[in-house]
Amino acid sequence: MTKEQPKTKSFVLRIDATTMEALEKWAADEFRSINGQLQWLIDDALRRAGRLPAKDTTSAKHDTTSAKHE
């Protein structure tokens, strides 16, 4: 039995060089890809703003990113 994967959408993002360098360093420090770091940042910001429900940590797979930044 397979679980349905969440649907994702792609888009182009223009970002200045200084911001990109800081993002690359931050992603590397957290052992994430730049894409993974951006997804985490956006998810975190949306959750903190009350725009997304909090993650259910009891049924979620092992996620090393959720506890790191709280």
N, C-alpha and C. Protein backbone atom coordinates (compact mmCIF):
# COMPACT_ATOMS: atom_id res chain seq x y z
N MET A 1 0.85 -1.17 0.00
CA MET A 1 0.00 0.00 0.00
C MET A 1 0.90 1.24 0.00
N THR A 2 0.63 2.18 -0.89
CA THR A 2 1.45 3.38 -0.97
C THR A 2 0.70 4.56 -0.40
N LYS A 3 1.43 5.42 0.26
CA LYS A 3 0.85 6.65 0.77
C LYS A 3 0.85 7.69 -0.34
N GLU A 4 -0.18 8.49 -0.39
CA GLU A 4 -0.22 9.55 -1.39
C GLU A 4 0.76 10.65 -1.00
N GLN A 5 1.62 11.03 -1.92
CA GLN A 5 2.60 12.08 -1.67
C GLN A 5 1.93 13.45 -1.81
N PRO A 6 2.32 14.41 -0.97
CA PRO A 6 1.77 15.76 -1.11
C PRO A 6 2.15 16.34 -2.47
N LYS A 7 1.26 17.08 -3.06
CA LYS A 7 1.54 17.70 -4.35
C LYS A 7 2.42 18.93 -4.13
N THR A 8 3.38 19.13 -5.01
CA THR A 8 4.24 20.30 -4.93
C THR A 8 4.14 21.07 -6.24
N LYS A 9 4.43 22.35 -6.16
CA LYS A 9 4.45 23.21 -7.34
C LYS A 9 5.82 23.86 -7.42
N SER A 10 6.26 24.08 -8.63
CA SER A 10 7.55 24.74 -8.86
C SER A 10 7.31 26.18 -9.28
N PHE A 11 8.27 27.04 -8.95
CA PHE A 11 8.22 28.43 -9.40
C PHE A 11 9.63 29.01 -9.43
N VAL A 12 9.78 30.08 -10.16
CA VAL A 12 11.08 30.75 -10.26
C VAL A 12 11.17 31.82 -9.18
N LEU A 13 12.32 31.90 -8.53
CA LEU A 13 12.54 32.89 -7.49
C LEU A 13 13.78 33.70 -7.83
N ARG A 14 13.63 34.98 -7.87
CA ARG A 14 14.78 35.86 -8.09
C ARG A 14 15.22 36.39 -6.72
N ILE A 15 16.52 36.29 -6.46
CA ILE A 15 17.03 36.67 -5.15
C ILE A 15 18.41 37.32 -5.34
N ASP A 16 18.67 38.35 -4.56
CA ASP A 16 19.96 39.04 -4.73
C ASP A 16 21.10 38.16 -4.23
N ALA A 17 22.30 38.44 -4.72
CA ALA A 17 23.47 37.60 -4.46
C ALA A 17 23.81 37.51 -2.97
N THR A 18 23.71 38.61 -2.25
CA THR A 18 24.05 38.62 -0.82
C THR A 18 23.10 37.71 -0.04
N THR A 19 21.81 37.82 -0.34
CA THR A 19 20.82 36.99 0.32
C THR A 19 21.03 35.52 -0.02
N MET A 20 21.36 35.25 -1.27
CA MET A 20 21.59 33.87 -1.71
C MET A 20 22.80 33.27 -0.99
N GLU A 21 23.85 34.03 -0.84
CA GLU A 21 25.03 33.54 -0.13
C GLU A 21 24.71 33.22 1.32
N ALA A 22 23.94 34.09 1.97
CA ALA A 22 23.55 33.84 3.36
C ALA A 22 22.66 32.60 3.45
N LEU A 23 21.76 32.43 2.50
CA LEU A 23 20.89 31.27 2.48
C LEU A 23 21.68 29.98 2.25
N GLU A 24 22.65 30.03 1.34
CA GLU A 24 23.50 28.85 1.08
C GLU A 24 24.26 28.44 2.34
N LYS A 25 24.82 29.42 3.05
CA LYS A 25 25.56 29.12 4.27
C LYS A 25 24.64 28.54 5.33
N TRP A 26 23.47 29.15 5.51
CA TRP A 26 22.52 28.68 6.50
C TRP A 26 22.07 27.25 6.18
N ALA A 27 21.76 26.99 4.92
CA ALA A 27 21.35 25.64 4.51
C ALA A 27 22.46 24.63 4.79
N ALA A 28 23.68 24.98 4.47
CA ALA A 28 24.82 24.08 4.71
C ALA A 28 25.00 23.82 6.21
N ASP A 29 24.85 24.86 7.02
CA ASP A 29 24.96 24.72 8.48
C ASP A 29 23.92 23.76 9.03
N GLU A 30 22.76 23.70 8.39
CA GLU A 30 21.65 22.85 8.85
C GLU A 30 21.61 21.52 8.10
N PHE A 31 22.60 21.26 7.26
CA PHE A 31 22.65 20.04 6.45
C PHE A 31 21.41 19.87 5.58
N ARG A 32 21.00 20.98 4.96
CA ARG A 32 19.85 20.97 4.06
C ARG A 32 20.28 21.50 2.70
N SER A 33 19.49 21.16 1.69
CA SER A 33 19.66 21.80 0.39
C SER A 33 19.07 23.21 0.49
N ILE A 34 19.37 24.03 -0.46
CA ILE A 34 18.78 25.38 -0.47
C ILE A 34 17.27 25.27 -0.60
N ASN A 35 16.81 24.36 -1.47
CA ASN A 35 15.37 24.16 -1.62
C ASN A 35 14.75 23.71 -0.30
N GLY A 36 15.38 22.79 0.38
CA GLY A 36 14.88 22.32 1.67
C GLY A 36 14.84 23.43 2.71
N GLN A 37 15.86 24.28 2.70
CA GLN A 37 15.91 25.40 3.64
C GLN A 37 14.78 26.38 3.36
N LEU A 38 14.56 26.69 2.08
CA LEU A 38 13.47 27.60 1.73
C LEU A 38 12.12 27.01 2.12
N GLN A 39 11.93 25.72 1.89
CA GLN A 39 10.67 25.08 2.28
C GLN A 39 10.48 25.16 3.79
N TRP A 40 11.55 24.89 4.55
CA TRP A 40 11.45 24.96 6.00
C TRP A 40 11.13 26.39 6.46
N LEU A 41 11.81 27.38 5.88
CA LEU A 41 11.58 28.78 6.26
C LEU A 41 10.14 29.21 5.99
N ILE A 42 9.65 28.86 4.82
CA ILE A 42 8.28 29.24 4.45
C ILE A 42 7.28 28.53 5.35
N ASP A 43 7.47 27.23 5.55
CA ASP A 43 6.59 26.45 6.43
C ASP A 43 6.56 27.03 7.84
N ASP A 44 7.75 27.31 8.37
CA ASP A 44 7.87 27.85 9.72
C ASP A 44 7.17 29.21 9.83
N ALA A 45 7.40 30.08 8.87
CA ALA A 45 6.78 31.41 8.90
C ALA A 45 5.25 31.31 8.81
N LEU A 46 4.75 30.44 7.95
CA LEU A 46 3.30 30.26 7.82
C LEU A 46 2.69 29.70 9.10
N ARG A 47 3.36 28.74 9.72
CA ARG A 47 2.86 28.17 10.96
C ARG A 47 2.85 29.20 12.09
N ARG A 48 3.94 29.96 12.20
CA ARG A 48 4.01 30.98 13.25
C ARG A 48 2.97 32.08 13.07
N ALA A 49 2.61 32.36 11.82
CA ALA A 49 1.60 33.37 11.53
C ALA A 49 0.18 32.82 11.65
N GLY A 50 0.08 31.52 11.96
CA GLY A 50 -1.23 30.91 12.09
C GLY A 50 -1.91 30.63 10.76
N ARG A 51 -1.13 30.57 9.71
CA ARG A 51 -1.69 30.34 8.37
C ARG A 51 -1.71 28.87 7.99
N LEU A 52 -0.98 28.04 8.74
CA LEU A 52 -0.96 26.58 8.53
C LEU A 52 -1.17 25.91 9.88
N PRO A 53 -1.80 24.74 9.88
CA PRO A 53 -1.92 24.02 11.17
C PRO A 53 -0.56 23.50 11.61
N ALA A 54 -0.38 23.35 12.90
CA ALA A 54 0.87 22.80 13.44
C ALA A 54 1.01 21.36 12.98
N LYS A 55 2.25 20.91 12.80
CA LYS A 55 2.51 19.53 12.39
C LYS A 55 2.14 18.58 13.51
N ASP A 56 1.58 17.43 13.13
CA ASP A 56 1.29 16.36 14.08
C ASP A 56 2.55 15.54 14.24
N THR A 57 3.26 15.72 15.35
CA THR A 57 4.55 15.06 15.54
C THR A 57 4.40 13.60 15.97
N THR A 58 3.20 13.19 16.37
CA THR A 58 3.03 11.81 16.80
C THR A 58 2.96 10.84 15.62
N SER A 59 2.41 11.29 14.49
CA SER A 59 2.28 10.39 13.35
C SER A 59 3.26 10.71 12.22
N ALA A 60 3.98 11.80 12.34
CA ALA A 60 4.91 12.18 11.28
C ALA A 60 6.16 11.31 11.34
N LYS A 61 6.80 11.18 10.18
CA LYS A 61 8.09 10.48 10.13
C LYS A 61 9.09 11.27 10.93
N HIS A 62 10.21 10.65 11.28
CA HIS A 62 11.28 11.33 12.02
C HIS A 62 11.70 12.57 11.24
N ASP A 63 11.51 13.73 11.83
CA ASP A 63 11.84 14.99 11.19
C ASP A 63 12.85 15.71 12.06
N THR A 64 14.08 15.79 11.61
CA THR A 64 15.14 16.40 12.41
C THR A 64 15.06 17.91 12.39
N THR A 65 14.21 18.50 11.53
CA THR A 65 14.15 19.95 11.43
C THR A 65 13.20 20.57 12.41
N SER A 66 12.17 19.86 12.88
CA SER A 66 11.13 20.49 13.69
C SER A 66 11.63 20.91 15.07
N ALA A 67 12.45 20.15 15.71
CA ALA A 67 12.89 20.47 17.07
C ALA A 67 14.07 21.41 17.10
N LYS A 68 14.79 21.53 16.01
CA LYS A 68 16.01 22.34 15.99
C LYS A 68 15.78 23.81 16.27
N HIS A 69 14.68 24.36 15.78
CA HIS A 69 14.54 25.82 15.74
C HIS A 69 13.42 26.34 16.61
N GLU A 70 13.00 25.60 17.59
CA GLU A 70 11.91 26.10 18.41
C GLU A 70 12.39 26.55 19.75
